[in-house]
Amino acid sequence: SLDVMHQEIVSGFVQIPWKINIVDSSQLTGNEYRIIFDDSSSSKQRYAKYITVIDATLSYEVMSKQPIQPFSESPLFDGFSFYQEDIATTMDSNKTHWSNSVPQLQDYLFRPFVWSTSGPGTAYNGFAMPNDYSIIFYPDIVDTSLADTLYPNTPSNRLPATPVSFHVKNLSTNQFVDFCYRKNSFSSSTNYVIYFKEQLFSKLTRTWSVTLFFNGANAPLPTADTLYLYTKKGFSMFDTIRVFGVTTGIGDNPQLPNGYSLEQNYPNPFNPSTVIRYSLPVANHVLLKIYDILGREIATLVNETKPAGSYNVTWDASGLPSGIYFYRMQAGSFIQNKKLLLIK
């Protein structure tokens, strides 16, 4: 596979394994490429994703909208192939949680908004944005939901703007999210449905839906709690991979770094994970640690001898509060510190 110093994610939130393979070094051009993704046809019922490869040096498409499947390799393009272990973006049940135990709560459902599996109603279905969220509940009215009309346009499917006692926040962008809302009360249970409407290419679009199921008629919402909603992030239209500086023969003799380096983490600010890159011109023992603003050690990311080369390491700060942190690398006499910013 291609040496890590010649490939990078330049945008997006993807969190799955992928790699660029050199299949035929005789076809390598040395040009720069962009791999972009299209998941606009994906839904809860059907996985449908495509990649397009653009030669950024010559400004033309090398490969256009090629279907991909998880654990598969793309067709060859200019000596390369692209391998990925993709997933559909879904709820991460291991991370999604309430701050406290909620009385009367039976269950909750977090999924892309689905109105219909066929016919005209599919136009109202949502898109699984690769973000994390929180719903923050208060004892008083703090916001107003959007009005919306679902399909078909009947009185029961018209949702008016309603004062509400909660905010929805996108933890990946640190922005509040617009939403629509309805309450369904029955003789022995109550459910609340909240679906998000977010900007997707300058258009306000339905995305995720949250349904809260409670015991009892007219059961109230929590008054001082937060529901944290996390997603497992597959490739999406927000992701772009850059491939650059690859010349004939690099697959057999990868270029080694000229010196030690510790790069700024990406993304920064971040939530909840970020990537730290470092390089070694010769083999050496590497110690890479995270510290909080008071200088207390938070995590050890690397503590081993590494061959010469360039490396990526991911730090997941899901269980930590927002704030400024520092990372410190030591390899022989090389010591460097850099700052990270965690925003939830």
C-alpha atoms as a PDB file:
ATOM      1  CA  SER A   1       0.000   0.000   0.000  1.00  0.00           C
ATOM      2  CA  LEU A   2       0.996   3.633  -0.452  1.00  0.00           C
ATOM      3  CA  ASP A   3       3.225   5.284   2.171  1.00  0.00           C
ATOM      4  CA  VAL A   4       1.103   7.458   4.497  1.00  0.00           C
ATOM      5  CA  MET A   5       3.046  10.629   3.687  1.00  0.00           C
ATOM      6  CA  HIS A   6       1.525  10.633   0.167  1.00  0.00           C
ATOM      7  CA  GLN A   7      -2.150  10.398   1.102  1.00  0.00           C
ATOM      8  CA  GLU A   8      -4.482  12.260   3.437  1.00  0.00           C
ATOM      9  CA  ILE A   9      -8.105  13.018   4.254  1.00  0.00           C
ATOM     10  CA  VAL A  10      -8.491  16.689   3.412  1.00  0.00           C
ATOM     11  CA  SER A  11     -12.124  17.021   4.513  1.00  0.00           C
ATOM     12  CA  GLY A  12     -14.902  15.032   6.115  1.00  0.00           C
ATOM     13  CA  PHE A  13     -15.595  12.896   9.171  1.00  0.00           C
ATOM     14  CA  VAL A  14     -15.041   9.296   7.993  1.00  0.00           C
ATOM     15  CA  GLN A  15     -13.851   6.798  10.623  1.00  0.00           C
ATOM     16  CA  ILE A  16     -13.329   3.542   8.725  1.00  0.00           C
ATOM     17  CA  PRO A  17     -10.183   1.767   7.412  1.00  0.00           C
ATOM     18  CA  TRP A  18      -9.089   2.623   3.868  1.00  0.00           C
ATOM     19  CA  LYS A  19      -5.898   2.610   1.828  1.00  0.00           C
ATOM     20  CA  ILE A  20      -4.462   3.435  -1.585  1.00  0.00           C
ATOM     21  CA  ASN A  21      -2.645   0.529  -3.248  1.00  0.00           C
ATOM     22  CA  ILE A  22       0.016   0.820  -5.949  1.00  0.00           C
ATOM     23  CA  VAL A  23      -0.895  -1.941  -8.411  1.00  0.00           C
ATOM     24  CA  ASP A  24       1.217  -0.992 -11.434  1.00  0.00           C
ATOM     25  CA  SER A  25       4.114   1.418 -10.752  1.00  0.00           C
ATOM     26  CA  SER A  26       4.772   1.783 -14.488  1.00  0.00           C
ATOM     27  CA  GLN A  27       1.495   3.734 -14.832  1.00  0.00           C
ATOM     28  CA  LEU A  28       2.235   6.272 -12.087  1.00  0.00           C
ATOM     29  CA  THR A  29       2.159   9.860 -13.338  1.00  0.00           C
ATOM     30  CA  GLY A  30       3.336  11.852 -10.291  1.00  0.00           C
ATOM     31  CA  ASN A  31       0.153  13.939 -10.576  1.00  0.00           C
ATOM     32  CA  GLU A  32      -2.089  14.913  -7.675  1.00  0.00           C
ATOM     33  CA  TYR A  33      -5.506  13.233  -7.314  1.00  0.00           C
ATOM     34  CA  ARG A  34      -8.731  13.841  -5.407  1.00  0.00           C
ATOM     35  CA  ILE A  35     -11.068  10.964  -4.499  1.00  0.00           C
ATOM     36  CA  ILE A  36     -14.587  12.198  -3.765  1.00  0.00           C
ATOM     37  CA  PHE A  37     -17.680  10.296  -2.655  1.00  0.00           C
ATOM     38  CA  ASP A  38     -21.392  10.377  -3.424  1.00  0.00           C
ATOM     39  CA  ASP A  39     -23.808   8.766  -0.970  1.00  0.00           C
ATOM     40  CA  SER A  40     -26.863  10.855  -1.927  1.00  0.00           C
ATOM     41  CA  SER A  41     -28.681   7.697  -3.081  1.00  0.00           C
ATOM     42  CA  SER A  42     -28.076   5.805   0.176  1.00  0.00           C
ATOM     43  CA  SER A  43     -30.981   5.261   2.537  1.00  0.00           C
ATOM     44  CA  LYS A  44     -31.944   3.101   5.470  1.00  0.00           C
ATOM     45  CA  GLN A  45     -33.208   0.510   2.981  1.00  0.00           C
ATOM     46  CA  ARG A  46     -30.324   0.521   0.467  1.00  0.00           C
ATOM     47  CA  TYR A  47     -26.568   1.011   0.481  1.00  0.00           C
ATOM     48  CA  ALA A  48     -25.526   2.992  -2.594  1.00  0.00           C
ATOM     49  CA  LYS A  49     -22.196   4.807  -2.718  1.00  0.00           C
ATOM     50  CA  TYR A  50     -19.934   5.925  -5.542  1.00  0.00           C
ATOM     51  CA  ILE A  51     -16.440   7.348  -5.938  1.00  0.00           C
ATOM     52  CA  THR A  52     -15.093   9.742  -8.515  1.00  0.00           C
ATOM     53  CA  VAL A  53     -11.344  10.208  -9.029  1.00  0.00           C
ATOM     54  CA  ILE A  54     -10.125  13.561 -10.343  1.00  0.00           C
ATOM     55  CA  ASP A  55      -6.634  14.249 -11.658  1.00  0.00           C
ATOM     56  CA  ALA A  56      -6.181  17.621  -9.907  1.00  0.00           C
ATOM     57  CA  THR A  57      -3.002  18.380 -11.861  1.00  0.00           C
ATOM     58  CA  LEU A  58      -4.648  18.070 -15.284  1.00  0.00           C
ATOM     59  CA  SER A  59      -8.238  18.873 -14.118  1.00  0.00           C
ATOM     60  CA  TYR A  60     -10.100  15.913 -15.524  1.00  0.00           C
ATOM     61  CA  GLU A  61     -11.975  12.863 -14.228  1.00  0.00           C
ATOM     62  CA  VAL A  62      -9.916   9.690 -14.297  1.00  0.00           C
ATOM     63  CA  MET A  63     -12.841   7.614 -13.029  1.00  0.00           C
ATOM     64  CA  SER A  64     -16.440   8.805 -12.798  1.00  0.00           C
ATOM     65  CA  LYS A  65     -19.074   7.709 -10.245  1.00  0.00           C
ATOM     66  CA  GLN A  66     -17.828   4.140  -9.811  1.00  0.00           C
ATOM     67  CA  PRO A  67     -20.023   2.017  -7.432  1.00  0.00           C
ATOM     68  CA  ILE A  68     -18.236   0.780  -4.302  1.00  0.00           C
ATOM     69  CA  GLN A  69     -19.089  -1.956  -1.827  1.00  0.00           C
ATOM     70  CA  PRO A  70     -17.610  -2.510   1.652  1.00  0.00           C
ATOM     71  CA  PHE A  71     -14.366  -4.549   1.801  1.00  0.00           C
ATOM     72  CA  SER A  72     -13.763  -4.094  -1.906  1.00  0.00           C
ATOM     73  CA  GLU A  73     -11.154  -2.547  -4.182  1.00  0.00           C
ATOM     74  CA  SER A  74     -11.866  -0.045  -6.913  1.00  0.00           C
ATOM     75  CA  PRO A  75     -10.906  -0.511 -10.569  1.00  0.00           C
ATOM     76  CA  LEU A  76      -7.371   0.573 -11.458  1.00  0.00           C
ATOM     77  CA  PHE A  77      -6.709   4.275 -12.098  1.00  0.00           C
ATOM     78  CA  ASP A  78      -3.260   5.485 -13.220  1.00  0.00           C
ATOM     79  CA  GLY A  79      -1.556   2.605 -11.428  1.00  0.00           C
ATOM     80  CA  PHE A  80      -3.574   2.905  -8.180  1.00  0.00           C
ATOM     81  CA  SER A  81      -6.565   1.194  -6.634  1.00  0.00           C
ATOM     82  CA  PHE A  82      -8.643   2.318  -3.668  1.00  0.00           C
ATOM     83  CA  TYR A  83      -9.608  -0.165  -0.913  1.00  0.00           C
ATOM     84  CA  GLN A  84     -12.123   0.584   1.868  1.00  0.00           C
ATOM     85  CA  GLU A  85     -14.069  -1.168   4.617  1.00  0.00           C
ATOM     86  CA  ASP A  86     -16.996   1.203   4.444  1.00  0.00           C
ATOM     87  CA  ILE A  87     -20.190   1.217   6.511  1.00  0.00           C
ATOM     88  CA  ALA A  88     -23.502   2.998   6.228  1.00  0.00           C
ATOM     89  CA  THR A  89     -23.545   5.914   8.672  1.00  0.00           C
ATOM     90  CA  THR A  90     -25.626   4.718  11.636  1.00  0.00           C
ATOM     91  CA  MET A  91     -26.080   5.262  15.354  1.00  0.00           C
ATOM     92  CA  ASP A  92     -23.122   4.251  17.530  1.00  0.00           C
ATOM     93  CA  SER A  93     -24.982   2.447  20.314  1.00  0.00           C
ATOM     94  CA  ASN A  94     -21.792   2.066  22.383  1.00  0.00           C
ATOM     95  CA  LYS A  95     -21.383   5.843  22.733  1.00  0.00           C
ATOM     96  CA  THR A  96     -24.963   7.150  22.576  1.00  0.00           C
ATOM     97  CA  HIS A  97     -26.264   7.767  26.104  1.00  0.00           C
ATOM     98  CA  TRP A  98     -28.239   9.954  28.527  1.00  0.00           C
ATOM     99  CA  SER A  99     -26.489  12.016  31.168  1.00  0.00           C
ATOM    100  CA  ASN A 100     -28.840  10.624  33.829  1.00  0.00           C
ATOM    101  CA  SER A 101     -31.466   7.925  34.237  1.00  0.00           C
ATOM    102  CA  VAL A 102     -34.789   9.233  32.848  1.00  0.00           C
ATOM    103  CA  PRO A 103     -37.968   8.234  34.784  1.00  0.00           C
ATOM    104  CA  GLN A 104     -40.720   6.621  32.689  1.00  0.00           C
ATOM    105  CA  LEU A 105     -38.459   6.327  29.630  1.00  0.00           C
ATOM    106  CA  GLN A 106     -39.089   3.030  27.819  1.00  0.00           C
ATOM    107  CA  ASP A 107     -36.712   3.433  24.911  1.00  0.00           C
ATOM    108  CA  TYR A 108     -35.431   5.840  22.253  1.00  0.00           C
ATOM    109  CA  LEU A 109     -34.810   5.457  18.522  1.00  0.00           C
ATOM    110  CA  PHE A 110     -32.172   7.423  16.594  1.00  0.00           C
ATOM    111  CA  ARG A 111     -32.130   6.843  12.845  1.00  0.00           C
ATOM    112  CA  PRO A 112     -32.287   8.721   9.523  1.00  0.00           C
ATOM    113  CA  PHE A 113     -35.728  10.256   9.072  1.00  0.00           C
ATOM    114  CA  VAL A 114     -37.863   7.830   7.040  1.00  0.00           C
ATOM    115  CA  TRP A 115     -41.344   8.730   5.880  1.00  0.00           C
ATOM    116  CA  SER A 116     -41.838   6.108   3.173  1.00  0.00           C
ATOM    117  CA  THR A 117     -39.994   3.139   1.657  1.00  0.00           C
ATOM    118  CA  SER A 118     -41.540   3.642  -1.803  1.00  0.00           C
ATOM    119  CA  GLY A 119     -43.520   6.113  -3.869  1.00  0.00           C
ATOM    120  CA  PRO A 120     -43.684   9.923  -3.616  1.00  0.00           C
ATOM    121  CA  GLY A 121     -43.212   9.813   0.166  1.00  0.00           C
ATOM    122  CA  THR A 122     -39.535   8.888  -0.272  1.00  0.00           C
ATOM    123  CA  ALA A 123     -38.907  12.527  -1.211  1.00  0.00           C
ATOM    124  CA  TYR A 124     -39.493  13.318   2.472  1.00  0.00           C
ATOM    125  CA  ASN A 125     -36.893  10.844   3.734  1.00  0.00           C
ATOM    126  CA  GLY A 126     -33.819  12.129   5.535  1.00  0.00           C
ATOM    127  CA  PHE A 127     -30.076  11.980   4.919  1.00  0.00           C
ATOM    128  CA  ALA A 128     -27.707  10.390   7.462  1.00  0.00           C
ATOM    129  CA  MET A 129     -25.377  13.300   8.185  1.00  0.00           C
ATOM    130  CA  PRO A 130     -22.004  12.044   9.537  1.00  0.00           C
ATOM    131  CA  ASN A 131     -22.192  14.140  12.710  1.00  0.00           C
ATOM    132  CA  ASP A 132     -22.704  13.734  16.454  1.00  0.00           C
ATOM    133  CA  TYR A 133     -25.439  15.551  18.364  1.00  0.00           C
ATOM    134  CA  SER A 134     -26.889  16.334  21.753  1.00  0.00           C
ATOM    135  CA  ILE A 135     -30.449  17.148  22.827  1.00  0.00           C
ATOM    136  CA  ILE A 136     -30.324  19.362  25.904  1.00  0.00           C
ATOM    137  CA  PHE A 137     -33.500  19.480  28.018  1.00  0.00           C
ATOM    138  CA  TYR A 138     -34.418  22.415  30.271  1.00  0.00           C
ATOM    139  CA  PRO A 139     -37.193  23.138  32.822  1.00  0.00           C
ATOM    140  CA  ASP A 140     -38.481  26.097  30.757  1.00  0.00           C
ATOM    141  CA  ILE A 141     -39.248  27.011  27.140  1.00  0.00           C
ATOM    142  CA  VAL A 142     -35.984  27.793  25.327  1.00  0.00           C
ATOM    143  CA  ASP A 143     -36.671  27.336  21.608  1.00  0.00           C
ATOM    144  CA  THR A 144     -39.345  26.980  18.923  1.00  0.00           C
ATOM    145  CA  SER A 145     -39.523  24.113  16.468  1.00  0.00           C
ATOM    146  CA  LEU A 146     -39.962  24.592  12.707  1.00  0.00           C
ATOM    147  CA  ALA A 147     -43.270  24.104  10.935  1.00  0.00           C
ATOM    148  CA  ASP A 148     -43.368  21.427   8.237  1.00  0.00           C
ATOM    149  CA  THR A 149     -45.785  19.469   6.095  1.00  0.00           C
ATOM    150  CA  LEU A 150     -45.195  15.784   5.493  1.00  0.00           C
ATOM    151  CA  TYR A 151     -46.549  13.554   2.761  1.00  0.00           C
ATOM    152  CA  PRO A 152     -49.447  13.253   2.145  1.00  0.00           C
ATOM    153  CA  ASN A 153     -50.601  16.784   2.958  1.00  0.00           C
ATOM    154  CA  THR A 154     -53.295  15.915   5.516  1.00  0.00           C
ATOM    155  CA  PRO A 155     -54.127  17.797   8.746  1.00  0.00           C
ATOM    156  CA  SER A 156     -52.426  15.117  10.858  1.00  0.00           C
ATOM    157  CA  ASN A 157     -49.213  15.498   8.842  1.00  0.00           C
ATOM    158  CA  ARG A 158     -48.937  19.270   9.238  1.00  0.00           C
ATOM    159  CA  LEU A 159     -46.552  20.078  12.043  1.00  0.00           C
ATOM    160  CA  PRO A 160     -46.951  23.604  13.426  1.00  0.00           C
ATOM    161  CA  ALA A 161     -44.161  25.642  14.984  1.00  0.00           C
ATOM    162  CA  THR A 162     -44.194  24.746  18.682  1.00  0.00           C
ATOM    163  CA  PRO A 163     -42.464  26.239  21.752  1.00  0.00           C
ATOM    164  CA  VAL A 164     -40.161  23.589  23.243  1.00  0.00           C
ATOM    165  CA  SER A 165     -37.989  23.093  26.321  1.00  0.00           C
ATOM    166  CA  PHE A 166     -34.914  21.699  24.568  1.00  0.00           C
ATOM    167  CA  HIS A 167     -32.114  22.577  22.157  1.00  0.00           C
ATOM    168  CA  VAL A 168     -30.554  20.310  19.524  1.00  0.00           C
ATOM    169  CA  LYS A 169     -26.823  20.803  19.024  1.00  0.00           C
ATOM    170  CA  ASN A 170     -24.472  19.447  16.366  1.00  0.00           C
ATOM    171  CA  LEU A 171     -21.403  18.380  18.352  1.00  0.00           C
ATOM    172  CA  SER A 172     -19.277  18.011  15.212  1.00  0.00           C
ATOM    173  CA  THR A 173     -19.748  21.667  14.186  1.00  0.00           C
ATOM    174  CA  ASN A 174     -20.668  23.151  17.589  1.00  0.00           C
ATOM    175  CA  GLN A 175     -23.795  24.717  16.029  1.00  0.00           C
ATOM    176  CA  PHE A 176     -27.441  24.520  17.084  1.00  0.00           C
ATOM    177  CA  VAL A 177     -29.707  22.560  14.723  1.00  0.00           C
ATOM    178  CA  ASP A 178     -33.194  23.438  13.447  1.00  0.00           C
ATOM    179  CA  PHE A 179     -35.794  20.744  14.054  1.00  0.00           C
ATOM    180  CA  CYS A 180     -39.456  19.778  13.728  1.00  0.00           C
ATOM    181  CA  TYR A 181     -41.408  18.223  16.554  1.00  0.00           C
ATOM    182  CA  ARG A 182     -44.583  16.324  17.357  1.00  0.00           C
ATOM    183  CA  LYS A 183     -46.071  14.717  20.448  1.00  0.00           C
ATOM    184  CA  ASN A 184     -48.239  11.582  20.283  1.00  0.00           C
ATOM    185  CA  SER A 185     -50.185  10.759  23.453  1.00  0.00           C
ATOM    186  CA  PHE A 186     -52.029   7.461  23.992  1.00  0.00           C
ATOM    187  CA  SER A 187     -53.959   5.933  26.899  1.00  0.00           C
ATOM    188  CA  SER A 188     -50.877   4.361  28.513  1.00  0.00           C
ATOM    189  CA  SER A 189     -47.889   5.828  26.671  1.00  0.00           C
ATOM    190  CA  THR A 190     -46.467   8.969  25.080  1.00  0.00           C
ATOM    191  CA  ASN A 191     -43.893   9.397  22.370  1.00  0.00           C
ATOM    192  CA  TYR A 192     -42.089  12.505  21.217  1.00  0.00           C
ATOM    193  CA  VAL A 193     -40.687  12.687  17.684  1.00  0.00           C
ATOM    194  CA  ILE A 194     -37.926  15.174  16.850  1.00  0.00           C
ATOM    195  CA  TYR A 195     -36.404  15.285  13.399  1.00  0.00           C
ATOM    196  CA  PHE A 196     -33.500  17.484  12.439  1.00  0.00           C
ATOM    197  CA  LYS A 197     -33.401  19.860   9.473  1.00  0.00           C
ATOM    198  CA  GLU A 198     -29.859  20.852   8.499  1.00  0.00           C
ATOM    199  CA  GLN A 199     -28.173  22.768   5.704  1.00  0.00           C
ATOM    200  CA  LEU A 200     -27.123  20.400   2.920  1.00  0.00           C
ATOM    201  CA  PHE A 201     -25.615  22.288  -0.021  1.00  0.00           C
ATOM    202  CA  SER A 202     -27.502  25.496   0.919  1.00  0.00           C
ATOM    203  CA  LYS A 203     -30.830  23.718   1.296  1.00  0.00           C
ATOM    204  CA  LEU A 204     -32.577  22.955   4.594  1.00  0.00           C
ATOM    205  CA  THR A 205     -32.922  19.162   4.491  1.00  0.00           C
ATOM    206  CA  ARG A 206     -34.384  16.483   6.771  1.00  0.00           C
ATOM    207  CA  THR A 207     -31.615  14.413   8.288  1.00  0.00           C
ATOM    208  CA  TRP A 208     -31.948  12.396  11.530  1.00  0.00           C
ATOM    209  CA  SER A 209     -35.029  11.462  13.556  1.00  0.00           C
ATOM    210  CA  VAL A 210     -35.206  10.847  17.323  1.00  0.00           C
ATOM    211  CA  THR A 211     -38.230   9.186  18.933  1.00  0.00           C
ATOM    212  CA  LEU A 212     -38.557   9.051  22.732  1.00  0.00           C
ATOM    213  CA  PHE A 213     -40.987   6.468  24.166  1.00  0.00           C
ATOM    214  CA  PHE A 214     -42.415   7.057  27.661  1.00  0.00           C
ATOM    215  CA  ASN A 215     -44.795   5.159  29.935  1.00  0.00           C
ATOM    216  CA  GLY A 216     -48.020   6.976  30.796  1.00  0.00           C
ATOM    217  CA  ALA A 217     -50.418   9.292  29.000  1.00  0.00           C
ATOM    218  CA  ASN A 218     -49.019  12.831  28.612  1.00  0.00           C
ATOM    219  CA  ALA A 219     -45.706  11.817  30.157  1.00  0.00           C
ATOM    220  CA  PRO A 220     -43.472  14.923  30.310  1.00  0.00           C
ATOM    221  CA  LEU A 221     -40.083  15.396  28.728  1.00  0.00           C
ATOM    222  CA  PRO A 222     -37.020  15.495  31.028  1.00  0.00           C
ATOM    223  CA  THR A 223     -36.363  18.893  32.608  1.00  0.00           C
ATOM    224  CA  ALA A 224     -32.610  18.713  33.291  1.00  0.00           C
ATOM    225  CA  ASP A 225     -30.858  16.117  31.173  1.00  0.00           C
ATOM    226  CA  THR A 226     -28.943  15.616  27.928  1.00  0.00           C
ATOM    227  CA  LEU A 227     -29.164  12.852  25.349  1.00  0.00           C
ATOM    228  CA  TYR A 228     -25.827  12.408  23.527  1.00  0.00           C
ATOM    229  CA  LEU A 229     -26.217  10.927  20.047  1.00  0.00           C
ATOM    230  CA  TYR A 230     -23.128   9.531  18.311  1.00  0.00           C
ATOM    231  CA  THR A 231     -22.770   8.024  14.835  1.00  0.00           C
ATOM    232  CA  LYS A 232     -20.519   5.470  13.198  1.00  0.00           C
ATOM    233  CA  LYS A 233     -19.251   7.395  10.199  1.00  0.00           C
ATOM    234  CA  GLY A 234     -18.836   5.843   6.781  1.00  0.00           C
ATOM    235  CA  PHE A 235     -17.725   7.653   3.642  1.00  0.00           C
ATOM    236  CA  SER A 236     -20.047  10.474   2.592  1.00  0.00           C
ATOM    237  CA  MET A 237     -20.214  13.367   0.142  1.00  0.00           C
ATOM    238  CA  PHE A 238     -18.324  15.424   2.745  1.00  0.00           C
ATOM    239  CA  ASP A 239     -15.165  13.299   2.472  1.00  0.00           C
ATOM    240  CA  THR A 240     -12.254  13.929   0.108  1.00  0.00           C
ATOM    241  CA  ILE A 241      -8.980  11.982  -0.085  1.00  0.00           C
ATOM    242  CA  ARG A 242      -5.867  13.588  -1.550  1.00  0.00           C
ATOM    243  CA  VAL A 243      -3.134  11.468  -3.214  1.00  0.00           C
ATOM    244  CA  PHE A 244       0.031  13.345  -4.153  1.00  0.00           C
ATOM    245  CA  GLY A 245       3.760  13.182  -4.908  1.00  0.00           C
ATOM    246  CA  VAL A 246       3.834   9.518  -6.011  1.00  0.00           C
ATOM    247  CA  THR A 247       6.447   8.708  -8.647  1.00  0.00           C
ATOM    248  CA  THR A 248       7.539   5.498 -10.346  1.00  0.00           C
ATOM    249  CA  GLY A 249       9.062   2.986  -7.973  1.00  0.00           C
ATOM    250  CA  ILE A 250       7.811   4.494  -4.708  1.00  0.00           C
ATOM    251  CA  GLY A 251       5.858   1.326  -4.030  1.00  0.00           C
ATOM    252  CA  ASP A 252       9.150  -0.566  -3.708  1.00  0.00           C
ATOM    253  CA  ASN A 253      11.331   2.198  -2.230  1.00  0.00           C
ATOM    254  CA  PRO A 254       9.210   4.705  -0.309  1.00  0.00           C
ATOM    255  CA  GLN A 255      10.826   8.060   0.300  1.00  0.00           C
ATOM    256  CA  LEU A 256      11.879   8.477   3.943  1.00  0.00           C
ATOM    257  CA  PRO A 257      11.394  11.726   5.866  1.00  0.00           C
ATOM    258  CA  ASN A 258      14.355  14.117   5.920  1.00  0.00           C
ATOM    259  CA  GLY A 259      13.966  14.893   9.631  1.00  0.00           C
ATOM    260  CA  TYR A 260      11.856  14.523  12.753  1.00  0.00           C
ATOM    261  CA  SER A 261       8.487  16.271  12.711  1.00  0.00           C
ATOM    262  CA  LEU A 262       5.303  16.507  14.763  1.00  0.00           C
ATOM    263  CA  GLU A 263       2.429  17.982  12.769  1.00  0.00           C
ATOM    264  CA  GLN A 264      -0.608  19.899  13.982  1.00  0.00           C
ATOM    265  CA  ASN A 265      -3.516  17.560  14.646  1.00  0.00           C
ATOM    266  CA  TYR A 266      -6.419  17.457  12.160  1.00  0.00           C
ATOM    267  CA  PRO A 267      -9.150  18.450  12.595  1.00  0.00           C
ATOM    268  CA  ASN A 268      -8.524  21.121  15.212  1.00  0.00           C
ATOM    269  CA  PRO A 269     -10.804  22.070  16.953  1.00  0.00           C
ATOM    270  CA  PHE A 270     -12.185  18.519  17.054  1.00  0.00           C
ATOM    271  CA  ASN A 271     -14.918  16.343  18.544  1.00  0.00           C
ATOM    272  CA  PRO A 272     -14.542  13.598  19.610  1.00  0.00           C
ATOM    273  CA  SER A 273     -11.466  12.294  17.722  1.00  0.00           C
ATOM    274  CA  THR A 274      -8.508  13.779  15.894  1.00  0.00           C
ATOM    275  CA  VAL A 275      -5.454  12.533  13.978  1.00  0.00           C
ATOM    276  CA  ILE A 276      -1.846  13.339  14.939  1.00  0.00           C
ATOM    277  CA  ARG A 277       0.923  12.794  12.392  1.00  0.00           C
ATOM    278  CA  TYR A 278       4.631  12.449  13.038  1.00  0.00           C
ATOM    279  CA  SER A 279       7.745  11.452  11.073  1.00  0.00           C
ATOM    280  CA  LEU A 280      11.072   9.753  11.865  1.00  0.00           C
ATOM    281  CA  PRO A 281      14.141   9.900   9.595  1.00  0.00           C
ATOM    282  CA  VAL A 282      15.653   6.872  11.384  1.00  0.00           C
ATOM    283  CA  ALA A 283      14.335   4.152  13.684  1.00  0.00           C
ATOM    284  CA  ASN A 284      13.834   5.415  17.227  1.00  0.00           C
ATOM    285  CA  HIS A 285      11.790   4.929  20.388  1.00  0.00           C
ATOM    286  CA  VAL A 286       8.736   7.225  20.250  1.00  0.00           C
ATOM    287  CA  LEU A 287       6.811   8.509  23.269  1.00  0.00           C
ATOM    288  CA  LEU A 288       3.646  10.459  22.417  1.00  0.00           C
ATOM    289  CA  LYS A 289       1.425  11.602  25.285  1.00  0.00           C
ATOM    290  CA  ILE A 290      -1.607  13.841  25.896  1.00  0.00           C
ATOM    291  CA  TYR A 291      -1.768  16.319  28.791  1.00  0.00           C
ATOM    292  CA  ASP A 292      -4.498  18.612  30.108  1.00  0.00           C
ATOM    293  CA  ILE A 293      -4.037  22.345  30.639  1.00  0.00           C
ATOM    294  CA  LEU A 294      -2.775  21.699  34.194  1.00  0.00           C
ATOM    295  CA  GLY A 295      -0.032  19.404  32.925  1.00  0.00           C
ATOM    296  CA  ARG A 296      -1.658  16.180  34.075  1.00  0.00           C
ATOM    297  CA  GLU A 297      -1.079  13.166  31.844  1.00  0.00           C
ATOM    298  CA  ILE A 298      -4.312  12.111  30.113  1.00  0.00           C
ATOM    299  CA  ALA A 299      -3.250   9.374  27.670  1.00  0.00           C
ATOM    300  CA  THR A 300      -0.242   7.633  26.130  1.00  0.00           C
ATOM    301  CA  LEU A 301      -0.753   7.213  22.390  1.00  0.00           C
ATOM    302  CA  VAL A 302       2.645   5.757  21.428  1.00  0.00           C
ATOM    303  CA  ASN A 303       5.354   4.158  23.567  1.00  0.00           C
ATOM    304  CA  GLU A 304       7.439   1.898  21.329  1.00  0.00           C
ATOM    305  CA  THR A 305      10.323   1.759  18.877  1.00  0.00           C
ATOM    306  CA  LYS A 306       9.262   2.655  15.324  1.00  0.00           C
ATOM    307  CA  PRO A 307      11.091   2.229  11.991  1.00  0.00           C
ATOM    308  CA  ALA A 308      11.875   5.323   9.944  1.00  0.00           C
ATOM    309  CA  GLY A 309       8.758   6.633   8.230  1.00  0.00           C
ATOM    310  CA  SER A 310       5.633   8.745   8.648  1.00  0.00           C
ATOM    311  CA  TYR A 311       2.780   7.731  10.965  1.00  0.00           C
ATOM    312  CA  ASN A 312      -0.796   8.633  11.890  1.00  0.00           C
ATOM    313  CA  VAL A 313      -2.286   8.056  15.342  1.00  0.00           C
ATOM    314  CA  THR A 314      -5.906   8.792  16.326  1.00  0.00           C
ATOM    315  CA  TRP A 315      -6.869  10.158  19.736  1.00  0.00           C
ATOM    316  CA  ASP A 316     -10.487   9.624  20.828  1.00  0.00           C
ATOM    317  CA  ALA A 317     -11.459  12.099  23.561  1.00  0.00           C
ATOM    318  CA  SER A 318     -15.097  10.995  23.899  1.00  0.00           C
ATOM    319  CA  GLY A 319     -14.983  10.757  27.701  1.00  0.00           C
ATOM    320  CA  LEU A 320     -13.282  14.110  28.292  1.00  0.00           C
ATOM    321  CA  PRO A 321     -14.693  17.628  28.727  1.00  0.00           C
ATOM    322  CA  SER A 322     -14.209  20.461  26.274  1.00  0.00           C
ATOM    323  CA  GLY A 323     -11.009  22.441  26.662  1.00  0.00           C
ATOM    324  CA  ILE A 324      -7.386  22.947  25.701  1.00  0.00           C
ATOM    325  CA  TYR A 325      -5.064  19.924  25.720  1.00  0.00           C
ATOM    326  CA  PHE A 326      -1.442  19.412  24.720  1.00  0.00           C
ATOM    327  CA  TYR A 327       0.398  16.586  22.993  1.00  0.00           C
ATOM    328  CA  ARG A 328       4.114  15.952  23.440  1.00  0.00           C
ATOM    329  CA  MET A 329       6.390  13.773  21.310  1.00  0.00           C
ATOM    330  CA  GLN A 330       9.851  12.596  22.324  1.00  0.00           C
ATOM    331  CA  ALA A 331      12.105  10.555  20.020  1.00  0.00           C
ATOM    332  CA  GLY A 332      15.738  10.558  21.117  1.00  0.00           C
ATOM    333  CA  SER A 333      16.785  14.186  21.529  1.00  0.00           C
ATOM    334  CA  PHE A 334      13.776  15.433  19.513  1.00  0.00           C
ATOM    335  CA  ILE A 335      11.071  16.873  21.804  1.00  0.00           C
ATOM    336  CA  GLN A 336       8.099  18.927  20.635  1.00  0.00           C
ATOM    337  CA  ASN A 337       4.750  20.056  22.102  1.00  0.00           C
ATOM    338  CA  LYS A 338       1.587  21.216  20.333  1.00  0.00           C
ATOM    339  CA  LYS A 339      -1.880  22.358  21.435  1.00  0.00           C
ATOM    340  CA  LEU A 340      -5.277  20.775  20.654  1.00  0.00           C
ATOM    341  CA  LEU A 341      -8.776  22.158  21.243  1.00  0.00           C
ATOM    342  CA  LEU A 342     -11.656  19.810  22.111  1.00  0.00           C
ATOM    343  CA  ILE A 343     -15.109  21.376  21.623  1.00  0.00           C
ATOM    344  CA  LYS A 344     -18.287  19.479  22.522  1.00  0.00           C
END
